[in-house]
């Protein structure tokens, strides 16, 4: 991203949505070209920042995009001889937050007087 490795931006720009999204895109490009699974950190940061902004649509999109890309990568390349990020805590956190993000998105799309009508998950 801008001539720097994504890990260099991990801590110094962790609260900057623009940079975290750029890191996500860079990770997906690398995953597609090299078959190396992108680090989940940036996707989790985008999800966290999106929730803070109440941008549930973006949160859902980035969580789903990462999960789908990882599943595709492992389906194509297998897991033999490499760590399976799906078993790691950050991937699990992304997968765990997805249902809640979908619920929040559904509530946000309701008219204001009906937003509390949905049962809690």
PDB file of N, CA and C in Angstrom:
ATOM      1  N   UNK A   1       0.864  -1.173   0.000  1.00  0.00           N
ATOM      2  CA  UNK A   1       0.000   0.000   0.000  1.00  0.00           C
ATOM      3  C   UNK A   1       0.902   1.225   0.000  1.00  0.00           C
ATOM      4  N   UNK A   2       0.778   2.033  -1.028  1.00  0.00           N
ATOM      5  CA  UNK A   2       1.598   3.234  -1.179  1.00  0.00           C
ATOM      6  C   UNK A   2       3.089   2.919  -1.024  1.00  0.00           C
ATOM      7  N   UNK A   3       3.515   1.788  -1.574  1.00  0.00           N
ATOM      8  CA  UNK A   3       4.914   1.406  -1.560  1.00  0.00           C
ATOM      9  C   UNK A   3       5.400   0.799  -0.253  1.00  0.00           C
ATOM     10  N   UNK A   4       4.500   0.543   0.658  1.00  0.00           N
ATOM     11  CA  UNK A   4       4.874  -0.033   1.960  1.00  0.00           C
ATOM     12  C   UNK A   4       4.226  -1.390   2.141  1.00  0.00           C
ATOM     13  N   UNK A   5       4.855  -2.219   2.958  1.00  0.00           N
ATOM     14  CA  UNK A   5       4.274  -3.514   3.300  1.00  0.00           C
ATOM     15  C   UNK A   5       3.066  -3.272   4.209  1.00  0.00           C
ATOM     16  N   UNK A   6       2.043  -4.104   4.065  1.00  0.00           N
ATOM     17  CA  UNK A   6       0.842  -3.904   4.876  1.00  0.00           C
ATOM     18  C   UNK A   6       1.133  -4.024   6.369  1.00  0.00           C
ATOM     19  N   UNK A   7       2.050  -4.907   6.747  1.00  0.00           N
ATOM     20  CA  UNK A   7       2.346  -5.064   8.175  1.00  0.00           C
ATOM     21  C   UNK A   7       2.936  -3.791   8.778  1.00  0.00           C
ATOM     22  N   UNK A   8       3.544  -2.955   7.953  1.00  0.00           N
ATOM     23  CA  UNK A   8       4.088  -1.691   8.450  1.00  0.00           C
ATOM     24  C   UNK A   8       2.964  -0.746   8.871  1.00  0.00           C
ATOM     25  N   UNK A   9       1.813  -0.891   8.263  1.00  0.00           N
ATOM     26  CA  UNK A   9       0.676  -0.020   8.552  1.00  0.00           C
ATOM     27  C   UNK A   9      -0.217  -0.567   9.654  1.00  0.00           C
ATOM     28  N   UNK A  10       0.008  -1.815  10.021  1.00  0.00           N
ATOM     29  CA  UNK A  10      -0.885  -2.509  10.948  1.00  0.00           C
ATOM     30  C   UNK A  10      -1.135  -1.723  12.230  1.00  0.00           C
ATOM     31  N   UNK A  11      -0.106  -1.267  12.865  1.00  0.00           N
ATOM     32  CA  UNK A  11      -0.291  -0.561  14.133  1.00  0.00           C
ATOM     33  C   UNK A  11      -0.432   0.942  13.947  1.00  0.00           C
ATOM     34  N   UNK A  12       0.389   1.536  13.090  1.00  0.00           N
ATOM     35  CA  UNK A  12       0.384   2.997  12.971  1.00  0.00           C
ATOM     36  C   UNK A  12      -0.878   3.536  12.309  1.00  0.00           C
ATOM     37  N   UNK A  13      -1.549   2.745  11.480  1.00  0.00           N
ATOM     38  CA  UNK A  13      -2.748   3.218  10.775  1.00  0.00           C
ATOM     39  C   UNK A  13      -3.979   2.369  11.090  1.00  0.00           C
ATOM     40  N   UNK A  14      -3.978   1.668  12.219  1.00  0.00           N
ATOM     41  CA  UNK A  14      -5.055   0.721  12.521  1.00  0.00           C
ATOM     42  C   UNK A  14      -6.435   1.372  12.662  1.00  0.00           C
ATOM     43  N   UNK A  15      -6.483   2.663  12.922  1.00  0.00           N
ATOM     44  CA  UNK A  15      -7.765   3.349  13.058  1.00  0.00           C
ATOM     45  C   UNK A  15      -8.138   4.160  11.825  1.00  0.00           C
ATOM     46  N   UNK A  16      -7.410   3.975  10.749  1.00  0.00           N
ATOM     47  CA  UNK A  16      -7.657   4.694   9.501  1.00  0.00           C
ATOM     48  C   UNK A  16      -8.344   3.743   8.516  1.00  0.00           C
ATOM     49  N   UNK A  17      -9.626   3.945   8.345  1.00  0.00           N
ATOM     50  CA  UNK A  17     -10.431   3.056   7.500  1.00  0.00           C
ATOM     51  C   UNK A  17      -9.843   2.941   6.095  1.00  0.00           C
ATOM     52  N   UNK A  18      -9.436   4.054   5.525  1.00  0.00           N
ATOM     53  CA  UNK A  18      -8.901   4.043   4.167  1.00  0.00           C
ATOM     54  C   UNK A  18      -7.722   3.081   4.054  1.00  0.00           C
ATOM     55  N   UNK A  19      -6.774   3.199   4.960  1.00  0.00           N
ATOM     56  CA  UNK A  19      -5.582   2.340   4.893  1.00  0.00           C
ATOM     57  C   UNK A  19      -5.922   0.879   5.176  1.00  0.00           C
ATOM     58  N   UNK A  20      -6.810   0.640   6.110  1.00  0.00           N
ATOM     59  CA  UNK A  20      -7.169  -0.746   6.416  1.00  0.00           C
ATOM     60  C   UNK A  20      -7.866  -1.400   5.212  1.00  0.00           C
ATOM     61  N   UNK A  21      -8.701  -0.641   4.512  1.00  0.00           N
ATOM     62  CA  UNK A  21      -9.343  -1.177   3.308  1.00  0.00           C
ATOM     63  C   UNK A  21      -8.322  -1.418   2.199  1.00  0.00           C
ATOM     64  N   UNK A  22      -7.350  -0.524   2.087  1.00  0.00           N
ATOM     65  CA  UNK A  22      -6.276  -0.722   1.105  1.00  0.00           C
ATOM     66  C   UNK A  22      -5.482  -1.982   1.431  1.00  0.00           C
ATOM     67  N   UNK A  23      -5.233  -2.227   2.713  1.00  0.00           N
ATOM     68  CA  UNK A  23      -4.524  -3.441   3.134  1.00  0.00           C
ATOM     69  C   UNK A  23      -5.347  -4.686   2.815  1.00  0.00           C
ATOM     70  N   UNK A  24      -6.656  -4.605   2.987  1.00  0.00           N
ATOM     71  CA  UNK A  24      -7.539  -5.726   2.629  1.00  0.00           C
ATOM     72  C   UNK A  24      -7.416  -6.025   1.136  1.00  0.00           C
ATOM     73  N   UNK A  25      -7.498  -4.990   0.329  1.00  0.00           N
ATOM     74  CA  UNK A  25      -7.404  -5.173  -1.121  1.00  0.00           C
ATOM     75  C   UNK A  25      -6.050  -5.771  -1.522  1.00  0.00           C
ATOM     76  N   UNK A  26      -4.978  -5.266  -0.906  1.00  0.00           N
ATOM     77  CA  UNK A  26      -3.641  -5.788  -1.204  1.00  0.00           C
ATOM     78  C   UNK A  26      -3.543  -7.261  -0.803  1.00  0.00           C
ATOM     79  N   UNK A  27      -4.102  -7.602   0.333  1.00  0.00           N
ATOM     80  CA  UNK A  27      -4.085  -8.991   0.784  1.00  0.00           C
ATOM     81  C   UNK A  27      -4.845  -9.910  -0.150  1.00  0.00           C
ATOM     82  N   UNK A  28      -5.978  -9.445  -0.633  1.00  0.00           N
ATOM     83  CA  UNK A  28      -6.766 -10.265  -1.562  1.00  0.00           C
ATOM     84  C   UNK A  28      -6.051 -10.442  -2.898  1.00  0.00           C
ATOM     85  N   UNK A  29      -5.379  -9.395  -3.362  1.00  0.00           N
ATOM     86  CA  UNK A  29      -4.621  -9.513  -4.616  1.00  0.00           C
ATOM     87  C   UNK A  29      -3.491 -10.523  -4.465  1.00  0.00           C
ATOM     88  N   UNK A  30      -2.797 -10.462  -3.349  1.00  0.00           N
ATOM     89  CA  UNK A  30      -1.718 -11.413  -3.090  1.00  0.00           C
ATOM     90  C   UNK A  30      -2.270 -12.830  -2.979  1.00  0.00           C
ATOM     91  N   UNK A  31      -3.399 -12.956  -2.332  1.00  0.00           N
ATOM     92  CA  UNK A  31      -4.025 -14.272  -2.179  1.00  0.00           C
ATOM     93  C   UNK A  31      -4.369 -14.853  -3.541  1.00  0.00           C
ATOM     94  N   UNK A  32      -4.903 -14.019  -4.405  1.00  0.00           N
ATOM     95  CA  UNK A  32      -5.299 -14.468  -5.737  1.00  0.00           C
ATOM     96  C   UNK A  32      -4.092 -14.848  -6.592  1.00  0.00           C
ATOM     97  N   UNK A  33      -3.045 -14.029  -6.535  1.00  0.00           N
ATOM     98  CA  UNK A  33      -1.870 -14.270  -7.379  1.00  0.00           C
ATOM     99  C   UNK A  33      -0.970 -15.388  -6.852  1.00  0.00           C
ATOM    100  N   UNK A  34      -0.727 -15.397  -5.542  1.00  0.00           N
ATOM    101  CA  UNK A  34       0.276 -16.305  -4.977  1.00  0.00           C
ATOM    102  C   UNK A  34      -0.322 -17.489  -4.223  1.00  0.00           C
ATOM    103  N   UNK A  35      -1.631 -17.459  -3.990  1.00  0.00           N
ATOM    104  CA  UNK A  35      -2.253 -18.548  -3.237  1.00  0.00           C
ATOM    105  C   UNK A  35      -1.916 -18.513  -1.760  1.00  0.00           C
ATOM    106  N   UNK A  36      -1.447 -17.361  -1.272  1.00  0.00           N
ATOM    107  CA  UNK A  36      -1.126 -17.180   0.142  1.00  0.00           C
ATOM    108  C   UNK A  36      -2.317 -16.514   0.815  1.00  0.00           C
ATOM    109  N   UNK A  37      -2.785 -17.077   1.897  1.00  0.00           N
ATOM    110  CA  UNK A  37      -3.964 -16.547   2.577  1.00  0.00           C
ATOM    111  C   UNK A  37      -3.645 -15.183   3.187  1.00  0.00           C
ATOM    112  N   UNK A  38      -4.513 -14.229   2.917  1.00  0.00           N
ATOM    113  CA  UNK A  38      -4.362 -12.870   3.448  1.00  0.00           C
ATOM    114  C   UNK A  38      -4.555 -12.876   4.959  1.00  0.00           C
ATOM    115  N   UNK A  39      -3.817 -12.023   5.626  1.00  0.00           N
ATOM    116  CA  UNK A  39      -3.936 -11.891   7.074  1.00  0.00           C
ATOM    117  C   UNK A  39      -5.329 -11.374   7.429  1.00  0.00           C
ATOM    118  N   UNK A  40      -5.972 -11.982   8.416  1.00  0.00           N
ATOM    119  CA  UNK A  40      -7.317 -11.550   8.800  1.00  0.00           C
ATOM    120  C   UNK A  40      -7.353 -10.226   9.550  1.00  0.00           C
ATOM    121  N   UNK A  41      -6.212  -9.792  10.064  1.00  0.00           N
ATOM    122  CA  UNK A  41      -6.153  -8.594  10.896  1.00  0.00           C
ATOM    123  C   UNK A  41      -6.847  -7.397  10.255  1.00  0.00           C
ATOM    124  N   UNK A  42      -6.538  -7.113   8.999  1.00  0.00           N
ATOM    125  CA  UNK A  42      -7.058  -5.917   8.330  1.00  0.00           C
ATOM    126  C   UNK A  42      -8.568  -6.000   8.129  1.00  0.00           C
ATOM    127  N   UNK A  43      -9.065  -7.181   7.859  1.00  0.00           N
ATOM    128  CA  UNK A  43     -10.503  -7.364   7.679  1.00  0.00           C
ATOM    129  C   UNK A  43     -11.238  -7.190   9.003  1.00  0.00           C
ATOM    130  N   UNK A  44     -10.629  -7.681  10.065  1.00  0.00           N
ATOM    131  CA  UNK A  44     -11.236  -7.474  11.379  1.00  0.00           C
ATOM    132  C   UNK A  44     -11.234  -5.987  11.732  1.00  0.00           C
ATOM    133  N   UNK A  45     -10.155  -5.273  11.434  1.00  0.00           N
ATOM    134  CA  UNK A  45     -10.103  -3.843  11.722  1.00  0.00           C
ATOM    135  C   UNK A  45     -11.170  -3.084  10.938  1.00  0.00           C
ATOM    136  N   UNK A  46     -11.348  -3.428   9.655  1.00  0.00           N
ATOM    137  CA  UNK A  46     -12.396  -2.778   8.866  1.00  0.00           C
ATOM    138  C   UNK A  46     -13.762  -3.071   9.479  1.00  0.00           C
ATOM    139  N   UNK A  47     -13.977  -4.305   9.906  1.00  0.00           N
ATOM    140  CA  UNK A  47     -15.251  -4.669  10.531  1.00  0.00           C
ATOM    141  C   UNK A  47     -15.469  -3.866  11.813  1.00  0.00           C
ATOM    142  N   UNK A  48     -14.448  -3.767  12.648  1.00  0.00           N
ATOM    143  CA  UNK A  48     -14.561  -3.017  13.906  1.00  0.00           C
ATOM    144  C   UNK A  48     -14.833  -1.541  13.630  1.00  0.00           C
ATOM    145  N   UNK A  49     -14.077  -0.954  12.725  1.00  0.00           N
ATOM    146  CA  UNK A  49     -14.260   0.459  12.403  1.00  0.00           C
ATOM    147  C   UNK A  49     -15.621   0.712  11.756  1.00  0.00           C
ATOM    148  N   UNK A  50     -16.075  -0.223  10.943  1.00  0.00           N
ATOM    149  CA  UNK A  50     -17.391  -0.089  10.303  1.00  0.00           C
ATOM    150  C   UNK A  50     -18.498  -0.107  11.350  1.00  0.00           C
ATOM    151  N   UNK A  51     -18.376  -1.005  12.328  1.00  0.00           N
ATOM    152  CA  UNK A  51     -19.402  -1.063  13.375  1.00  0.00           C
ATOM    153  C   UNK A  51     -19.410   0.237  14.162  1.00  0.00           C
ATOM    154  N   UNK A  52     -18.245   0.786  14.469  1.00  0.00           N
ATOM    155  CA  UNK A  52     -18.184   2.058  15.202  1.00  0.00           C
ATOM    156  C   UNK A  52     -18.887   3.166  14.435  1.00  0.00           C
ATOM    157  N   UNK A  53     -18.802   3.104  13.097  1.00  0.00           N
ATOM    158  CA  UNK A  53     -19.453   4.112  12.247  1.00  0.00           C
ATOM    159  C   UNK A  53     -20.911   3.756  11.950  1.00  0.00           C
ATOM    160  N   UNK A  54     -21.360   2.634  12.490  1.00  0.00           N
ATOM    161  CA  UNK A  54     -22.707   2.106  12.225  1.00  0.00           C
ATOM    162  C   UNK A  54     -22.914   1.816  10.740  1.00  0.00           C
ATOM    163  N   UNK A  55     -21.831   1.467  10.071  1.00  0.00           N
ATOM    164  CA  UNK A  55     -21.874   1.099   8.659  1.00  0.00           C
ATOM    165  C   UNK A  55     -21.908  -0.426   8.592  1.00  0.00           C
ATOM    166  N   UNK A  56     -23.066  -0.974   8.915  1.00  0.00           N
ATOM    167  CA  UNK A  56     -23.225  -2.428   9.029  1.00  0.00           C
ATOM    168  C   UNK A  56     -23.121  -3.119   7.672  1.00  0.00           C
ATOM    169  N   UNK A  57     -23.543  -2.440   6.640  1.00  0.00           N
ATOM    170  CA  UNK A  57     -23.449  -3.018   5.299  1.00  0.00           C
ATOM    171  C   UNK A  57     -21.983  -3.285   4.925  1.00  0.00           C
ATOM    172  N   UNK A  58     -21.138  -2.322   5.219  1.00  0.00           N
ATOM    173  CA  UNK A  58     -19.712  -2.489   4.944  1.00  0.00           C
ATOM    174  C   UNK A  58     -19.110  -3.575   5.835  1.00  0.00           C
ATOM    175  N   UNK A  59     -19.515  -3.614   7.087  1.00  0.00           N
ATOM    176  CA  UNK A  59     -19.017  -4.643   8.005  1.00  0.00           C
ATOM    177  C   UNK A  59     -19.350  -6.030   7.483  1.00  0.00           C
ATOM    178  N   UNK A  60     -20.598  -6.232   7.115  1.00  0.00           N
ATOM    179  CA  UNK A  60     -21.031  -7.530   6.571  1.00  0.00           C
ATOM    180  C   UNK A  60     -20.250  -7.850   5.303  1.00  0.00           C
ATOM    181  N   UNK A  61     -20.117  -6.874   4.428  1.00  0.00           N
ATOM    182  CA  UNK A  61     -19.441  -7.105   3.146  1.00  0.00           C
ATOM    183  C   UNK A  61     -17.990  -7.550   3.339  1.00  0.00           C
ATOM    184  N   UNK A  62     -17.264  -6.892   4.219  1.00  0.00           N
ATOM    185  CA  UNK A  62     -15.851  -7.248   4.417  1.00  0.00           C
ATOM    186  C   UNK A  62     -15.704  -8.589   5.130  1.00  0.00           C
ATOM    187  N   UNK A  63     -16.572  -8.872   6.078  1.00  0.00           N
ATOM    188  CA  UNK A  63     -16.527 -10.181   6.740  1.00  0.00           C
ATOM    189  C   UNK A  63     -16.819 -11.292   5.733  1.00  0.00           C
ATOM    190  N   UNK A  64     -17.886 -11.136   4.964  1.00  0.00           N
ATOM    191  CA  UNK A  64     -18.248 -12.157   3.974  1.00  0.00           C
ATOM    192  C   UNK A  64     -17.187 -12.301   2.898  1.00  0.00           C
ATOM    193  N   UNK A  65     -16.645 -11.188   2.470  1.00  0.00           N
ATOM    194  CA  UNK A  65     -15.616 -11.206   1.422  1.00  0.00           C
ATOM    195  C   UNK A  65     -14.381 -11.981   1.879  1.00  0.00           C
ATOM    196  N   UNK A  66     -13.953 -11.736   3.106  1.00  0.00           N
ATOM    197  CA  UNK A  66     -12.772 -12.427   3.610  1.00  0.00           C
ATOM    198  C   UNK A  66     -13.035 -13.917   3.795  1.00  0.00           C
ATOM    199  N   UNK A  67     -14.142 -14.246   4.424  1.00  0.00           N
ATOM    200  CA  UNK A  67     -14.469 -15.656   4.657  1.00  0.00           C
ATOM    201  C   UNK A  67     -14.545 -16.407   3.332  1.00  0.00           C
ATOM    202  N   UNK A  68     -15.216 -15.832   2.345  1.00  0.00           N
ATOM    203  CA  UNK A  68     -15.345 -16.475   1.029  1.00  0.00           C
ATOM    204  C   UNK A  68     -13.987 -16.633   0.354  1.00  0.00           C
ATOM    205  N   UNK A  69     -13.147 -15.600   0.430  1.00  0.00           N
ATOM    206  CA  UNK A  69     -11.828 -15.659  -0.210  1.00  0.00           C
ATOM    207  C   UNK A  69     -10.952 -16.733   0.434  1.00  0.00           C
ATOM    208  N   UNK A  70     -11.001 -16.837   1.745  1.00  0.00           N
ATOM    209  CA  UNK A  70     -10.210 -17.846   2.456  1.00  0.00           C
ATOM    210  C   UNK A  70     -10.694 -19.246   2.095  1.00  0.00           C
ATOM    211  N   UNK A  71     -11.989 -19.431   2.109  1.00  0.00           N
ATOM    212  CA  UNK A  71     -12.549 -20.743   1.759  1.00  0.00           C
ATOM    213  C   UNK A  71     -12.154 -21.135   0.332  1.00  0.00           C
ATOM    214  N   UNK A  72     -12.224 -20.185  -0.577  1.00  0.00           N
ATOM    215  CA  UNK A  72     -11.838 -20.446  -1.970  1.00  0.00           C
ATOM    216  C   UNK A  72     -10.359 -20.785  -2.068  1.00  0.00           C
ATOM    217  N   UNK A  73      -9.531 -20.040  -1.369  1.00  0.00           N
ATOM    218  CA  UNK A  73      -8.089 -20.277  -1.404  1.00  0.00           C
ATOM    219  C   UNK A  73      -7.757 -21.687  -0.908  1.00  0.00           C
ATOM    220  N   UNK A  74      -8.364 -22.089   0.193  1.00  0.00           N
ATOM    221  CA  UNK A  74      -8.092 -23.430   0.719  1.00  0.00           C
ATOM    222  C   UNK A  74      -8.686 -24.523  -0.173  1.00  0.00           C
ATOM    223  N   UNK A  75      -9.817 -24.227  -0.786  1.00  0.00           N
ATOM    224  CA  UNK A  75     -10.424 -25.213  -1.687  1.00  0.00           C
ATOM    225  C   UNK A  75      -9.515 -25.440  -2.901  1.00  0.00           C
ATOM    226  N   UNK A  76      -8.919 -24.384  -3.411  1.00  0.00           N
ATOM    227  CA  UNK A  76      -8.050 -24.486  -4.582  1.00  0.00           C
ATOM    228  C   UNK A  76      -6.669 -25.038  -4.219  1.00  0.00           C
ATOM    229  N   UNK A  77      -6.093 -24.530  -3.138  1.00  0.00           N
ATOM    230  CA  UNK A  77      -4.707 -24.853  -2.795  1.00  0.00           C
ATOM    231  C   UNK A  77      -4.554 -25.908  -1.702  1.00  0.00           C
ATOM    232  N   UNK A  78      -5.634 -26.193  -0.992  1.00  0.00           N
ATOM    233  CA  UNK A  78      -5.546 -27.145   0.107  1.00  0.00           C
ATOM    234  C   UNK A  78      -4.854 -26.538   1.316  1.00  0.00           C
ATOM    235  N   UNK A  79      -4.698 -27.340   2.353  1.00  0.00           N
ATOM    236  CA  UNK A  79      -4.071 -26.859   3.589  1.00  0.00           C
ATOM    237  C   UNK A  79      -2.801 -27.629   3.930  1.00  0.00           C
ATOM    238  N   UNK A  80      -2.403 -28.510   3.055  1.00  0.00           N
ATOM    239  CA  UNK A  80      -1.235 -29.340   3.337  1.00  0.00           C
ATOM    240  C   UNK A  80       0.029 -28.486   3.453  1.00  0.00           C
ATOM    241  N   UNK A  81       0.688 -28.588   4.581  1.00  0.00           N
ATOM    242  CA  UNK A  81       1.947 -27.900   4.790  1.00  0.00           C
ATOM    243  C   UNK A  81       1.838 -26.432   5.155  1.00  0.00           C
ATOM    244  N   UNK A  82       0.620 -25.905   5.317  1.00  0.00           N
ATOM    245  CA  UNK A  82       0.453 -24.500   5.700  1.00  0.00           C
ATOM    246  C   UNK A  82      -0.520 -24.398   6.865  1.00  0.00           C
ATOM    247  N   UNK A  83      -0.390 -23.334   7.616  1.00  0.00           N
ATOM    248  CA  UNK A  83      -1.299 -23.100   8.740  1.00  0.00           C
ATOM    249  C   UNK A  83      -2.696 -22.776   8.204  1.00  0.00           C
ATOM    250  N   UNK A  84      -3.685 -23.220   8.907  1.00  0.00           N
ATOM    251  CA  UNK A  84      -5.075 -22.953   8.535  1.00  0.00           C
ATOM    252  C   UNK A  84      -5.581 -21.781   9.366  1.00  0.00           C
ATOM    253  N   UNK A  85      -5.663 -20.585   8.749  1.00  0.00           N
ATOM    254  CA  UNK A  85      -6.086 -19.393   9.487  1.00  0.00           C
ATOM    255  C   UNK A  85      -7.509 -19.511  10.008  1.00  0.00           C
ATOM    256  N   UNK A  86      -8.294 -20.397   9.429  1.00  0.00           N
ATOM    257  CA  UNK A  86      -9.675 -20.565   9.894  1.00  0.00           C
ATOM    258  C   UNK A  86      -9.735 -21.046  11.337  1.00  0.00           C
ATOM    259  N   UNK A  87      -8.656 -21.635  11.815  1.00  0.00           N
ATOM    260  CA  UNK A  87      -8.599 -22.115  13.198  1.00  0.00           C
ATOM    261  C   UNK A  87      -8.064 -21.051  14.151  1.00  0.00           C
ATOM    262  N   UNK A  88      -7.595 -19.945  13.608  1.00  0.00           N
ATOM    263  CA  UNK A  88      -7.014 -18.877  14.424  1.00  0.00           C
ATOM    264  C   UNK A  88      -8.060 -17.964  15.043  1.00  0.00           C
ATOM    265  N   UNK A  89      -7.689 -17.254  16.092  1.00  0.00           N
ATOM    266  CA  UNK A  89      -8.639 -16.400  16.814  1.00  0.00           C
ATOM    267  C   UNK A  89      -9.171 -15.217  16.005  1.00  0.00           C
ATOM    268  N   UNK A  90      -8.365 -14.647  15.117  1.00  0.00           N
ATOM    269  CA  UNK A  90      -8.840 -13.480  14.369  1.00  0.00           C
ATOM    270  C   UNK A  90      -9.867 -13.884  13.325  1.00  0.00           C
ATOM    271  N   UNK A  91      -9.612 -14.992  12.612  1.00  0.00           N
ATOM    272  CA  UNK A  91     -10.600 -15.484  11.656  1.00  0.00           C
ATOM    273  C   UNK A  91     -11.887 -15.847  12.392  1.00  0.00           C
ATOM    274  N   UNK A  92     -11.741 -16.524  13.539  1.00  0.00           N
ATOM    275  CA  UNK A  92     -12.917 -16.908  14.328  1.00  0.00           C
ATOM    276  C   UNK A  92     -13.698 -15.682  14.790  1.00  0.00           C
ATOM    277  N   UNK A  93     -12.995 -14.607  15.135  1.00  0.00           N
ATOM    278  CA  UNK A  93     -13.666 -13.374  15.552  1.00  0.00           C
ATOM    279  C   UNK A  93     -14.464 -12.767  14.400  1.00  0.00           C
ATOM    280  N   UNK A  94     -13.902 -12.833  13.204  1.00  0.00           N
ATOM    281  CA  UNK A  94     -14.606 -12.321  12.023  1.00  0.00           C
ATOM    282  C   UNK A  94     -15.863 -13.151  11.768  1.00  0.00           C
ATOM    283  N   UNK A  95     -15.720 -14.463  11.811  1.00  0.00           N
ATOM    284  CA  UNK A  95     -16.864 -15.352  11.579  1.00  0.00           C
ATOM    285  C   UNK A  95     -17.929 -15.168  12.654  1.00  0.00           C
ATOM    286  N   UNK A  96     -17.495 -14.948  13.886  1.00  0.00           N
ATOM    287  CA  UNK A  96     -18.432 -14.791  15.004  1.00  0.00           C
ATOM    288  C   UNK A  96     -19.197 -13.474  14.927  1.00  0.00           C
ATOM    289  N   UNK A  97     -18.563 -12.417  14.437  1.00  0.00           N
ATOM    290  CA  UNK A  97     -19.225 -11.123  14.396  1.00  0.00           C
ATOM    291  C   UNK A  97     -20.215 -10.991  13.228  1.00  0.00           C
ATOM    292  N   UNK A  98     -20.097 -11.848  12.222  1.00  0.00           N
ATOM    293  CA  UNK A  98     -20.938 -11.742  11.031  1.00  0.00           C
ATOM    294  C   UNK A  98     -22.437 -11.838  11.334  1.00  0.00           C
ATOM    295  N   UNK A  99     -22.920 -12.831  12.116  1.00  0.00           N
ATOM    296  CA  UNK A  99     -24.369 -12.876  12.388  1.00  0.00           C
ATOM    297  C   UNK A  99     -24.887 -11.619  13.083  1.00  0.00           C
ATOM    298  N   UNK A 100     -24.136 -11.093  14.038  1.00  0.00           N
ATOM    299  CA  UNK A 100     -24.557  -9.876  14.741  1.00  0.00           C
ATOM    300  C   UNK A 100     -24.578  -8.692  13.777  1.00  0.00           C
ATOM    301  N   UNK A 101     -23.583  -8.605  12.895  1.00  0.00           N
ATOM    302  CA  UNK A 101     -23.546  -7.526  11.916  1.00  0.00           C
ATOM    303  C   UNK A 101     -24.757  -7.599  10.982  1.00  0.00           C
ATOM    304  N   UNK A 102     -25.118  -8.810  10.584  1.00  0.00           N
ATOM    305  CA  UNK A 102     -26.297  -8.977   9.726  1.00  0.00           C
ATOM    306  C   UNK A 102     -27.560  -8.556  10.461  1.00  0.00           C
ATOM    307  N   UNK A 103     -27.652  -8.892  11.735  1.00  0.00           N
ATOM    308  CA  UNK A 103     -28.812  -8.488  12.533  1.00  0.00           C
ATOM    309  C   UNK A 103     -28.873  -6.966  12.650  1.00  0.00           C
ATOM    310  N   UNK A 104     -27.741  -6.335  12.928  1.00  0.00           N
ATOM    311  CA  UNK A 104     -27.709  -4.874  13.027  1.00  0.00           C
ATOM    312  C   UNK A 104     -28.057  -4.216  11.700  1.00  0.00           C
ATOM    313  N   UNK A 105     -27.617  -4.795  10.605  1.00  0.00           N
ATOM    314  CA  UNK A 105     -27.955  -4.275   9.285  1.00  0.00           C
ATOM    315  C   UNK A 105     -29.453  -4.384   9.036  1.00  0.00           C
ATOM    316  N   UNK A 106     -30.026  -5.526   9.379  1.00  0.00           N
ATOM    317  CA  UNK A 106     -31.468  -5.709   9.190  1.00  0.00           C
ATOM    318  C   UNK A 106     -32.252  -4.694  10.011  1.00  0.00           C
ATOM    319  N   UNK A 107     -31.825  -4.471  11.254  1.00  0.00           N
ATOM    320  CA  UNK A 107     -32.507  -3.481  12.104  1.00  0.00           C
ATOM    321  C   UNK A 107     -32.364  -2.065  11.534  1.00  0.00           C
ATOM    322  N   UNK A 108     -31.183  -1.742  11.042  1.00  0.00           N
ATOM    323  CA  UNK A 108     -30.936  -0.403  10.511  1.00  0.00           C
ATOM    324  C   UNK A 108     -31.784  -0.115   9.274  1.00  0.00           C
ATOM    325  N   UNK A 109     -32.151  -1.155   8.560  1.00  0.00           N
ATOM    326  CA  UNK A 109     -32.954  -0.978   7.345  1.00  0.00           C
ATOM    327  C   UNK A 109     -34.439  -0.814   7.635  1.00  0.00           C
ATOM    328  N   UNK A 110     -34.844  -1.083   8.861  1.00  0.00           N
ATOM    329  CA  UNK A 110     -36.245  -0.917   9.247  1.00  0.00           C
ATOM    330  C   UNK A 110     -36.554   0.560   9.479  1.00  0.00           C
ATOM    331  N   UNK A 111     -37.815   0.939   9.337  1.00  0.00           N
ATOM    332  CA  UNK A 111     -38.196   2.307   9.708  1.00  0.00           C
ATOM    333  C   UNK A 111     -37.883   2.520  11.195  1.00  0.00           C
ATOM    334  N   UNK A 112     -37.540   3.738  11.596  1.00  0.00           N
ATOM    335  CA  UNK A 112     -37.141   4.001  12.989  1.00  0.00           C
ATOM    336  C   UNK A 112     -38.109   3.471  14.043  1.00  0.00           C
ATOM    337  N   UNK A 113     -39.399   3.525  13.767  1.00  0.00           N
ATOM    338  CA  UNK A 113     -40.378   3.068  14.771  1.00  0.00           C
ATOM    339  C   UNK A 113     -40.474   1.548  14.870  1.00  0.00           C
ATOM    340  N   UNK A 114     -39.785   0.823  13.983  1.00  0.00           N
ATOM    341  CA  UNK A 114     -39.847  -0.642  14.019  1.00  0.00           C
ATOM    342  C   UNK A 114     -38.499  -1.290  14.338  1.00  0.00           C
ATOM    343  N   UNK A 115     -37.486  -0.511  14.589  1.00  0.00           N
ATOM    344  CA  UNK A 115     -36.130  -1.056  14.754  1.00  0.00           C
ATOM    345  C   UNK A 115     -35.977  -1.971  15.959  1.00  0.00           C
ATOM    346  N   UNK A 116     -36.833  -1.860  16.931  1.00  0.00           N
ATOM    347  CA  UNK A 116     -36.714  -2.724  18.095  1.00  0.00           C
ATOM    348  C   UNK A 116     -37.717  -3.864  18.055  1.00  0.00           C
ATOM    349  N   UNK A 117     -38.363  -4.029  16.905  1.00  0.00           N
ATOM    350  CA  UNK A 117     -39.371  -5.079  16.749  1.00  0.00           C
ATOM    351  C   UNK A 117     -38.763  -6.457  16.522  1.00  0.00           C
ATOM    352  N   UNK A 118     -37.524  -6.509  16.021  1.00  0.00           N
ATOM    353  CA  UNK A 118     -36.885  -7.793  15.771  1.00  0.00           C
ATOM    354  C   UNK A 118     -36.439  -8.431  17.073  1.00  0.00           C
ATOM    355  N   UNK A 119     -36.604  -9.740  17.202  1.00  0.00           N
ATOM    356  CA  UNK A 119     -36.123 -10.405  18.423  1.00  0.00           C
ATOM    357  C   UNK A 119     -34.600 -10.362  18.474  1.00  0.00           C
ATOM    358  N   UNK A 120     -34.066 -10.303  19.670  1.00  0.00           N
ATOM    359  CA  UNK A 120     -32.611 -10.312  19.845  1.00  0.00           C
ATOM    360  C   UNK A 120     -32.038 -11.665  19.521  1.00  0.00           C
ATOM    361  N   UNK A 121     -30.823 -11.674  18.992  1.00  0.00           N
ATOM    362  CA  UNK A 121     -30.170 -12.938  18.643  1.00  0.00           C
ATOM    363  C   UNK A 121     -29.523 -13.564  19.852  1.00  0.00           C
TER     364      UNK A 121
END
